[in-house]
Protein backbone atom coordinates (compact mmCIF):
# COMPACT_ATOMS: atom_id res chain seq x y z
CA GLU A 1 106.54 27.16 -173.45
CA GLU A 2 105.91 24.92 -176.45
CA GLN A 3 104.18 27.75 -178.34
CA ASP A 4 107.02 30.13 -177.53
CA ARG A 5 109.60 27.58 -178.71
CA LEU A 6 107.78 27.02 -182.02
CA LEU A 7 107.51 30.77 -182.66
CA ARG A 8 111.15 31.43 -181.72
CA ASN A 9 112.84 28.65 -183.69
CA GLN A 10 113.26 28.39 -187.44
CA PRO A 11 110.17 26.87 -189.08
CA ASP A 12 110.28 23.53 -190.81
CA GLN A 13 110.28 23.77 -194.63
CA PRO A 14 108.89 21.37 -197.26
CA GLN A 15 110.78 20.75 -200.50
CA ASN A 16 108.94 23.43 -202.52
CA PRO A 17 107.25 25.75 -200.01
CA LYS A 18 104.57 28.22 -201.04
CA VAL A 19 103.11 31.05 -199.01
CA LEU A 20 100.34 33.65 -199.21
CA ARG A 21 99.85 36.53 -196.77
CA ILE A 22 96.19 37.57 -196.60
CA ALA A 23 94.89 40.78 -195.03
CA ILE A 24 91.21 40.73 -194.13
CA ILE A 25 89.78 44.25 -193.90
CA GLY A 26 86.31 45.72 -193.61
CA ALA A 27 83.99 47.70 -191.40
CA PRO A 28 83.74 46.75 -187.70
CA ASN A 29 81.59 43.66 -187.08
CA ALA A 30 81.62 42.53 -190.71
CA GLY A 31 82.73 39.05 -189.60
CA LYS A 32 86.49 39.20 -190.16
CA SER A 33 87.43 37.20 -187.06
CA THR A 34 84.64 34.68 -187.66
CA LEU A 35 85.95 34.06 -191.19
CA SER A 36 89.53 33.80 -189.87
CA ASN A 37 88.46 31.18 -187.31
CA GLN A 38 86.63 29.17 -189.97
CA LEU A 39 89.68 29.20 -192.27
CA LEU A 40 91.85 28.05 -189.34
CA GLY A 41 89.42 25.34 -188.26
CA ARG A 42 89.59 26.38 -184.59
CA LYS A 43 88.54 29.46 -182.61
CA VAL A 44 91.60 31.54 -181.77
CA PHE A 45 90.27 35.04 -182.53
CA PRO A 46 87.59 36.72 -180.37
CA VAL A 47 84.12 37.18 -181.84
CA SER A 48 81.14 39.13 -180.51
CA GLN A 49 78.19 41.12 -181.80
CA LYS A 50 79.72 44.38 -180.57
CA VAL A 51 82.12 46.36 -182.73
CA HIS A 52 85.87 46.50 -182.09
CA THR A 53 86.16 43.07 -180.48
CA THR A 54 89.51 42.64 -182.25
CA ARG A 55 91.86 45.18 -180.68
CA CYS A 56 95.11 44.46 -182.51
CA LYS A 57 96.42 42.66 -185.55
CA ALA A 58 96.99 38.96 -185.01
CA ARG A 59 98.14 36.28 -187.40
CA GLY A 60 96.57 32.91 -188.01
CA VAL A 61 98.41 30.14 -189.84
CA VAL A 62 96.87 27.54 -192.18
CA THR A 63 99.36 24.88 -193.30
CA TYR A 64 98.21 22.47 -196.00
CA GLU A 65 100.72 20.14 -197.67
CA ASP A 66 103.45 22.45 -199.09
CA THR A 67 101.40 25.67 -198.75
CA GLN A 68 101.10 28.09 -195.86
CA LEU A 69 98.40 30.76 -195.61
CA ILE A 70 99.13 33.57 -193.17
CA ILE A 71 95.89 35.30 -192.21
CA LEU A 72 96.25 38.84 -190.91
CA ASP A 73 93.12 39.38 -188.80
CA THR A 74 92.87 43.13 -188.26
CA PRO A 75 90.70 45.55 -186.28
CA GLY A 76 87.79 47.03 -188.20
CA LEU A 77 88.75 50.13 -190.15
CA THR A 78 87.45 53.06 -188.15
CA SER A 79 87.80 56.83 -187.86
CA PRO A 80 89.72 58.71 -185.12
CA PHE A 81 86.39 60.02 -183.75
CA LYS A 82 84.96 56.51 -183.30
CA ALA A 83 88.26 55.27 -181.87
CA LYS A 84 88.12 57.94 -179.16
CA ARG A 85 84.47 57.15 -178.43
CA HIS A 86 85.23 53.47 -177.76
CA LYS A 87 88.48 54.23 -175.86
CA LEU A 88 90.53 52.42 -178.52
CA ASP A 89 94.31 52.41 -178.68
CA GLU A 90 96.22 54.16 -181.44
CA ALA A 91 97.02 50.69 -182.80
CA MET A 92 93.36 50.28 -183.77
CA LEU A 93 93.88 52.99 -186.40
CA THR A 94 97.30 51.88 -187.66
CA ASP A 95 97.20 48.06 -187.53
CA PRO A 96 94.98 47.54 -190.62
CA TRP A 97 97.32 49.74 -192.65
CA ASP A 98 100.39 47.91 -191.35
CA SER A 99 98.82 44.58 -192.32
CA MET A 100 98.22 45.82 -195.86
CA LYS A 101 101.91 46.61 -196.25
CA HIS A 102 102.79 42.94 -195.72
CA ALA A 103 99.89 41.37 -197.65
CA ASP A 104 100.02 39.49 -200.95
CA LEU A 105 96.23 39.53 -201.21
CA VAL A 106 93.47 41.49 -199.48
CA LEU A 107 89.96 40.23 -198.71
CA VAL A 108 87.39 43.01 -198.33
CA LEU A 109 84.55 41.71 -196.19
CA VAL A 110 81.05 43.22 -196.44
CA ASP A 111 78.11 42.33 -194.18
CA VAL A 112 75.22 42.09 -196.67
CA SER A 113 72.68 41.70 -193.85
CA ASP A 114 73.28 45.28 -192.68
CA HIS A 115 71.03 47.34 -194.94
CA TRP A 116 72.51 50.58 -193.57
CA THR A 117 76.06 49.91 -194.78
CA ARG A 118 75.95 47.15 -197.42
CA ASN A 119 75.41 49.37 -200.48
CA CYS A 120 78.81 51.03 -200.35
CA LEU A 121 82.30 50.49 -199.02
CA SER A 122 83.28 52.76 -196.14
CA LYS A 123 85.57 55.68 -196.87
CA GLU A 124 88.23 54.06 -194.65
CA VAL A 125 88.15 50.85 -196.74
CA LEU A 126 88.28 52.76 -200.04
CA LYS A 127 91.15 54.87 -198.79
CA CYS A 128 93.03 51.76 -197.70
CA LEU A 129 92.54 50.07 -201.09
CA SER A 130 93.56 53.20 -202.99
CA GLN A 131 96.80 53.43 -201.00
CA PHE A 132 97.79 49.89 -202.08
CA PRO A 133 96.47 49.53 -205.66
CA ASP A 134 99.10 46.93 -206.60
CA ILE A 135 97.89 44.38 -204.03
CA PRO A 136 95.25 42.07 -205.58
CA SER A 137 91.89 42.43 -203.84
CA VAL A 138 88.88 40.12 -203.56
CA LEU A 139 85.34 41.09 -202.53
CA VAL A 140 83.73 38.74 -199.99
CA LEU A 141 80.01 39.16 -199.35
CA ASN A 142 79.34 37.72 -195.90
CA LYS A 143 76.12 36.65 -194.10
CA VAL A 144 74.27 35.87 -197.35
CA ASP A 145 72.23 33.29 -195.43
CA LEU A 146 70.44 36.15 -193.65
CA LEU A 147 69.14 37.62 -196.93
CA LYS A 148 65.62 36.55 -197.76
CA LYS A 149 65.69 38.14 -201.22
CA LYS A 150 68.79 36.80 -202.96
CA PHE A 151 68.44 39.10 -206.00
CA ILE A 152 69.69 41.94 -203.75
CA LEU A 153 73.16 40.37 -204.14
CA LEU A 154 73.15 41.26 -207.84
CA GLU A 155 72.56 44.92 -207.03
CA LEU A 156 75.23 44.86 -204.33
CA VAL A 157 77.79 43.31 -206.68
CA THR A 158 77.23 46.13 -209.19
CA GLU A 159 77.44 48.87 -206.56
CA LEU A 160 80.41 47.48 -204.60
CA THR A 161 82.49 46.91 -207.74
CA GLU A 162 81.47 50.09 -209.62
CA GLY A 163 80.33 47.67 -212.32
CA ILE A 164 83.86 46.35 -213.01
CA VAL A 165 85.44 43.04 -211.94
CA ASN A 166 88.85 41.82 -213.08
CA GLY A 167 89.08 44.68 -215.57
CA ARG A 168 85.84 43.79 -217.31
CA LYS A 169 82.58 45.69 -217.27
CA LEU A 170 79.51 44.04 -215.75
CA GLU A 171 76.00 44.43 -217.06
CA VAL A 172 73.22 43.16 -214.82
CA LYS A 173 70.27 41.43 -216.46
CA SER A 174 67.58 40.26 -214.09
CA GLU A 175 64.08 38.92 -214.51
CA PHE A 176 62.43 38.08 -211.21
CA LYS A 177 58.87 37.18 -210.41
CA HIS A 178 57.48 39.96 -208.27
CA ASN A 179 56.59 37.47 -205.60
CA SER A 180 58.63 37.86 -202.43
CA SER A 181 58.30 34.21 -201.48
CA SER A 182 59.56 32.89 -204.81
CA SER A 183 62.43 35.37 -205.12
CA ALA A 184 63.57 34.48 -201.63
CA LYS A 185 64.19 30.92 -202.76
CA SER A 186 65.71 31.78 -206.13
CA PRO A 187 69.28 30.66 -206.84
CA LEU A 188 71.74 33.36 -207.83
CA GLN A 189 73.24 32.60 -211.23
CA VAL A 190 75.87 35.03 -212.49
CA THR A 191 78.55 35.02 -215.13
CA ARG A 192 82.14 35.47 -214.10
CA ALA A 193 84.32 38.35 -215.01
CA SER A 194 87.53 36.56 -215.88
CA PRO A 195 88.85 36.08 -219.42
CA PRO A 196 87.48 33.01 -221.26
CA GLU A 197 90.83 31.21 -221.42
CA ASN A 198 91.03 31.05 -217.60
CA ARG A 199 87.53 29.86 -216.86
CA ALA A 200 88.14 26.14 -216.64
CA HIS A 201 91.08 26.35 -214.26
CA GLU A 202 90.06 28.41 -211.25
CA PRO A 203 87.42 28.00 -208.50
CA HIS A 204 85.04 30.94 -208.56
CA CYS A 205 81.70 31.87 -207.15
CA LEU A 206 80.80 33.76 -210.31
CA GLN A 207 79.83 31.25 -212.94
CA GLU A 208 79.23 31.71 -216.65
CA THR A 209 77.06 28.69 -217.32
CA ASP A 210 73.29 28.40 -216.94
CA GLN A 211 73.75 25.79 -214.21
CA ALA A 212 75.96 27.10 -211.43
CA GLN A 213 78.87 24.92 -210.33
CA GLU A 214 78.09 22.80 -207.28
CA GLY A 215 78.77 24.76 -204.10
CA CYS A 216 78.54 28.18 -205.74
CA SER A 217 74.82 28.80 -206.09
CA LEU A 218 73.26 30.15 -202.94
CA ASP A 219 70.40 27.69 -202.97
CA ASN A 220 71.00 24.59 -205.09
CA SER A 221 67.70 23.00 -204.09
CA SER A 222 65.49 25.87 -205.25
CA ASP A 223 63.47 26.11 -208.44
CA ALA A 224 65.77 27.43 -211.15
CA ARG A 225 62.82 28.71 -213.14
CA ALA A 226 61.96 31.23 -210.42
CA SER A 227 64.61 33.64 -211.65
CA GLU A 228 66.87 34.40 -214.56
CA SER A 229 69.74 36.58 -213.42
CA SER A 230 73.12 37.17 -214.95
CA LEU A 231 76.09 39.46 -214.97
CA VAL A 232 77.36 39.95 -218.51
CA THR A 233 80.96 41.08 -218.86
CA GLU A 234 82.36 43.50 -221.38
CA GLU A 235 85.88 44.74 -221.91
CA ALA A 236 86.70 47.77 -219.78
CA GLN A 237 89.92 49.40 -218.73
CA ALA A 238 89.71 50.52 -215.11
CA PRO A 239 92.24 53.15 -214.05
CA LYS A 240 94.88 51.79 -211.75
CA ARG A 241 95.15 54.62 -209.25
CA TYR A 242 92.52 56.76 -207.57
CA GLY A 243 93.08 60.02 -205.74
CA PRO A 244 91.10 61.60 -202.87
CA ARG A 245 88.83 63.41 -205.33
CA ASP A 246 87.93 60.16 -207.08
CA LEU A 247 87.09 58.43 -203.79
CA LYS A 248 84.53 61.11 -202.86
CA ASN A 249 82.28 59.99 -205.71
CA MET A 250 82.92 56.23 -205.42
CA LYS A 251 80.70 53.74 -203.61
CA GLY A 252 82.65 50.65 -204.60
CA TRP A 253 86.08 49.51 -205.80
CA PRO A 254 86.52 48.73 -209.53
CA CYS A 255 89.72 46.69 -209.11
CA PHE A 256 88.42 43.53 -207.41
CA GLN A 257 89.70 40.36 -209.09
CA GLU A 258 87.07 37.98 -207.73
CA ILE A 259 83.82 37.91 -205.79
CA PHE A 260 82.84 35.30 -203.19
CA MET A 261 79.54 34.94 -201.37
CA LEU A 262 79.45 33.01 -198.10
CA ALA A 263 78.11 32.69 -194.57
CA ALA A 264 81.18 32.62 -192.32
CA LEU A 265 79.33 31.86 -189.07
CA ARG A 266 77.80 28.70 -190.53
CA GLY A 267 80.89 27.84 -192.58
CA GLU A 268 78.98 27.92 -195.87
CA GLU A 269 81.28 28.30 -198.91
CA VAL A 270 84.33 28.97 -196.70
CA ASP A 271 86.04 25.90 -198.21
CA THR A 272 85.49 27.36 -201.69
CA LEU A 273 87.31 30.52 -200.64
CA LYS A 274 90.02 28.49 -198.89
CA ARG A 275 90.73 26.46 -202.04
CA TYR A 276 91.03 29.67 -204.04
CA LEU A 277 93.50 31.13 -201.51
CA LEU A 278 95.65 28.00 -201.59
CA MET A 279 95.82 28.28 -205.38
CA GLN A 280 97.01 31.90 -205.17
CA ALA A 281 100.07 31.04 -203.03
CA LYS A 282 103.46 31.81 -204.54
CA PRO A 283 106.82 30.06 -204.03
CA GLY A 284 108.50 31.27 -200.87
CA PRO A 285 109.75 30.09 -197.46
CA TRP A 286 107.30 29.39 -194.65
CA GLU A 287 107.23 31.95 -191.84
CA PHE A 288 105.87 29.61 -189.17
CA HIS A 289 106.35 26.04 -188.04
CA SER A 290 103.69 23.72 -189.46
CA ARG A 291 102.34 23.12 -185.92
CA VAL A 292 101.72 26.82 -185.26
CA LEU A 293 98.08 27.93 -185.50
CA THR A 294 98.46 31.56 -184.42
CA SER A 295 101.15 34.10 -183.59
CA GLN A 296 99.35 34.95 -180.35
CA SER A 297 100.63 33.74 -177.01
CA PRO A 298 98.31 31.57 -174.88
CA GLN A 299 97.87 34.54 -172.52
CA GLU A 300 96.75 36.76 -175.40
CA ILE A 301 94.23 34.15 -176.54
CA CYS A 302 92.92 33.92 -172.98
CA ASP A 303 92.57 37.71 -172.64
CA ASN A 304 90.79 37.95 -175.98
CA ILE A 305 88.29 35.20 -175.18
CA ILE A 306 87.43 36.69 -171.77
CA ARG A 307 87.05 40.16 -173.29
CA GLU A 308 84.75 38.68 -175.94
CA LYS A 309 82.39 37.43 -173.22
CA VAL A 310 82.54 40.73 -171.33
CA LEU A 311 81.57 42.54 -174.54
CA GLU A 312 78.64 40.20 -175.01
CA TYR A 313 77.15 40.61 -171.54
CA LEU A 314 77.75 44.28 -170.70
CA PRO A 315 75.60 47.01 -172.30
CA ARG A 316 76.63 49.86 -174.63
CA GLU A 317 80.04 51.44 -173.95
CA VAL A 318 80.57 49.83 -170.51
CA PRO A 319 82.78 46.85 -171.54
CA TYR A 320 85.30 49.02 -173.40
CA GLY A 321 86.54 50.43 -170.08
CA VAL A 322 87.35 47.04 -168.51
CA ILE A 323 91.04 46.34 -167.78
CA GLN A 324 92.19 42.71 -167.46
CA VAL A 325 94.96 41.70 -165.06
CA THR A 326 96.07 38.05 -164.92
CA GLU A 327 97.02 37.16 -161.35
CA MET A 328 97.72 33.44 -161.79
CA TRP A 329 98.63 31.20 -164.71
CA GLU A 330 99.77 27.76 -163.60
CA GLU A 331 99.63 24.14 -164.61
CA GLY A 332 97.77 21.97 -162.09
CA PRO A 333 98.82 18.52 -160.81
CA SER A 334 96.73 16.71 -163.46
CA GLY A 335 97.85 18.90 -166.39
CA GLU A 336 94.91 21.29 -166.16
CA LEU A 337 95.43 25.04 -166.65
CA LEU A 338 94.65 27.21 -163.61
CA ILE A 339 93.90 30.86 -164.42
CA VAL A 340 92.85 33.70 -162.13
CA GLN A 341 92.08 37.04 -163.77
CA ASN A 342 90.97 40.31 -162.18
CA LEU A 343 88.61 42.54 -164.18
CA LEU A 344 89.02 46.21 -163.24
CA VAL A 345 86.15 48.60 -163.99
CA PRO A 346 86.02 52.40 -163.60
CA ARG A 347 82.80 52.62 -161.52
CA LYS A 348 81.02 50.65 -158.82
CA SER A 349 77.86 50.63 -160.94
CA HIS A 350 79.84 48.88 -163.70
CA MET A 351 81.09 46.36 -161.15
CA MET A 352 77.51 45.52 -160.14
CA MET A 353 76.54 45.05 -163.80
CA LEU A 354 79.51 42.75 -164.43
CA ILE A 355 78.84 40.63 -161.34
CA GLY A 356 75.09 40.49 -161.93
CA ARG A 357 72.36 39.55 -159.50
CA GLY A 358 73.59 36.66 -157.38
CA GLY A 359 76.83 36.58 -159.40
CA LYS A 360 75.02 35.14 -162.44
CA VAL A 361 76.67 37.34 -165.09
CA ILE A 362 80.29 36.83 -164.02
CA SER A 363 79.67 33.10 -163.50
CA ARG A 364 78.28 32.75 -167.01
CA ILE A 365 81.22 34.67 -168.47
CA ALA A 366 83.68 32.40 -166.63
CA GLN A 367 81.85 29.25 -167.68
CA GLU A 368 81.65 30.16 -171.39
CA ALA A 369 85.23 31.47 -171.48
CA SER A 370 86.49 28.25 -169.83
CA GLN A 371 84.81 26.15 -172.51
CA ASP A 372 86.31 28.23 -175.33
CA LEU A 373 89.74 28.04 -173.72
CA MET A 374 89.49 24.25 -173.43
CA ASN A 375 88.63 24.08 -177.14
CA ALA A 376 91.57 26.34 -177.97
CA PHE A 377 94.20 24.72 -175.74
CA LEU A 378 92.86 21.13 -175.90
CA CYS A 379 93.20 20.68 -172.12
CA ASP A 380 91.10 21.19 -169.00
CA VAL A 381 90.90 24.83 -167.87
CA ARG A 382 89.84 26.13 -164.46
CA LEU A 383 89.14 29.84 -164.73
CA LYS A 384 88.35 32.17 -161.83
CA LEU A 385 87.30 35.77 -162.48
CA LYS A 386 87.33 38.57 -159.90
CA VAL A 387 85.88 42.07 -160.30
CA ASP A 388 87.24 45.24 -158.69
CA VAL A 389 86.90 48.98 -159.15
CA LYS A 390 90.19 50.34 -160.49
CA THR A 391 91.84 53.02 -158.38
């Protein structure tokens, strides 16, 4: 009731409010929801190792002093074929595009630990960016902590930006010892691609100086002599608009304004990105009350967290056919939340997998989901899960 009241009523406003609407897009499982949760400071979006955990667009709200960041966490950009394969709703195809229409800034997230997909942006992402060329975009390289050889990031930056950042051409100069152990510990030092007059005023992860700014090098404790790597910028005029023919030959996007490198799961460098986002906010009225953390209802948060656990513990395509039905949602005598949810599956074999031998799987799902719900709602939660075959 309190959440509904805060969402329904007019938000409070500081004297000089500022706001920034941020769309986070990328391939499925790139870490969009993980990054959103880290920016919010609390887990309100579902996260799992399987693709398409996020099923619809949801908004998170970060309020800091007079500034409000509205984070548009979206489903991974996917094709109609893959949407049909995973039994996804039509909204899974349209929600990322709808979020872009309302965004002031777009973060393009790339999982650099996935060597199959990291060298180029997906056609869906490129198409999305080309449809909204006037919206500023930022490249975010995620999961950099999983890379043993940090110099790979230099190659990825060149490929994912088509060699152009902030309208300036990049030239990679690298000298690495051909010793895998030393290069794995080498810090990444790169020059930034912004004009010289702006360099002292903005937080960036691309640094011009020989010694990277604290918090921006990937390994501050490593031996700086192990590598000498830089991105040198030259003037270049990137075309503003790209048609379908141009996209066929493109691996990256030449209109990114900034590049950030972080590890969202561990929270590394997320604060650096957060400070940058707060600085990009423009004068405008707040959309949400300062006490609102997400636009989702408590029931939606509950459904998402339970589905997250089901995705984690059921194999292959099985969890995508589960239907959730909440049968009870009540407040107990001591203020605890009592929830009973029925999980409907299409086959008896799926039901046996979900229950597990001796009920171990469903018990573990209920236990982990209860803990996440307590962390989200800041109260005791008693969750009971039932499993039935849907008729």
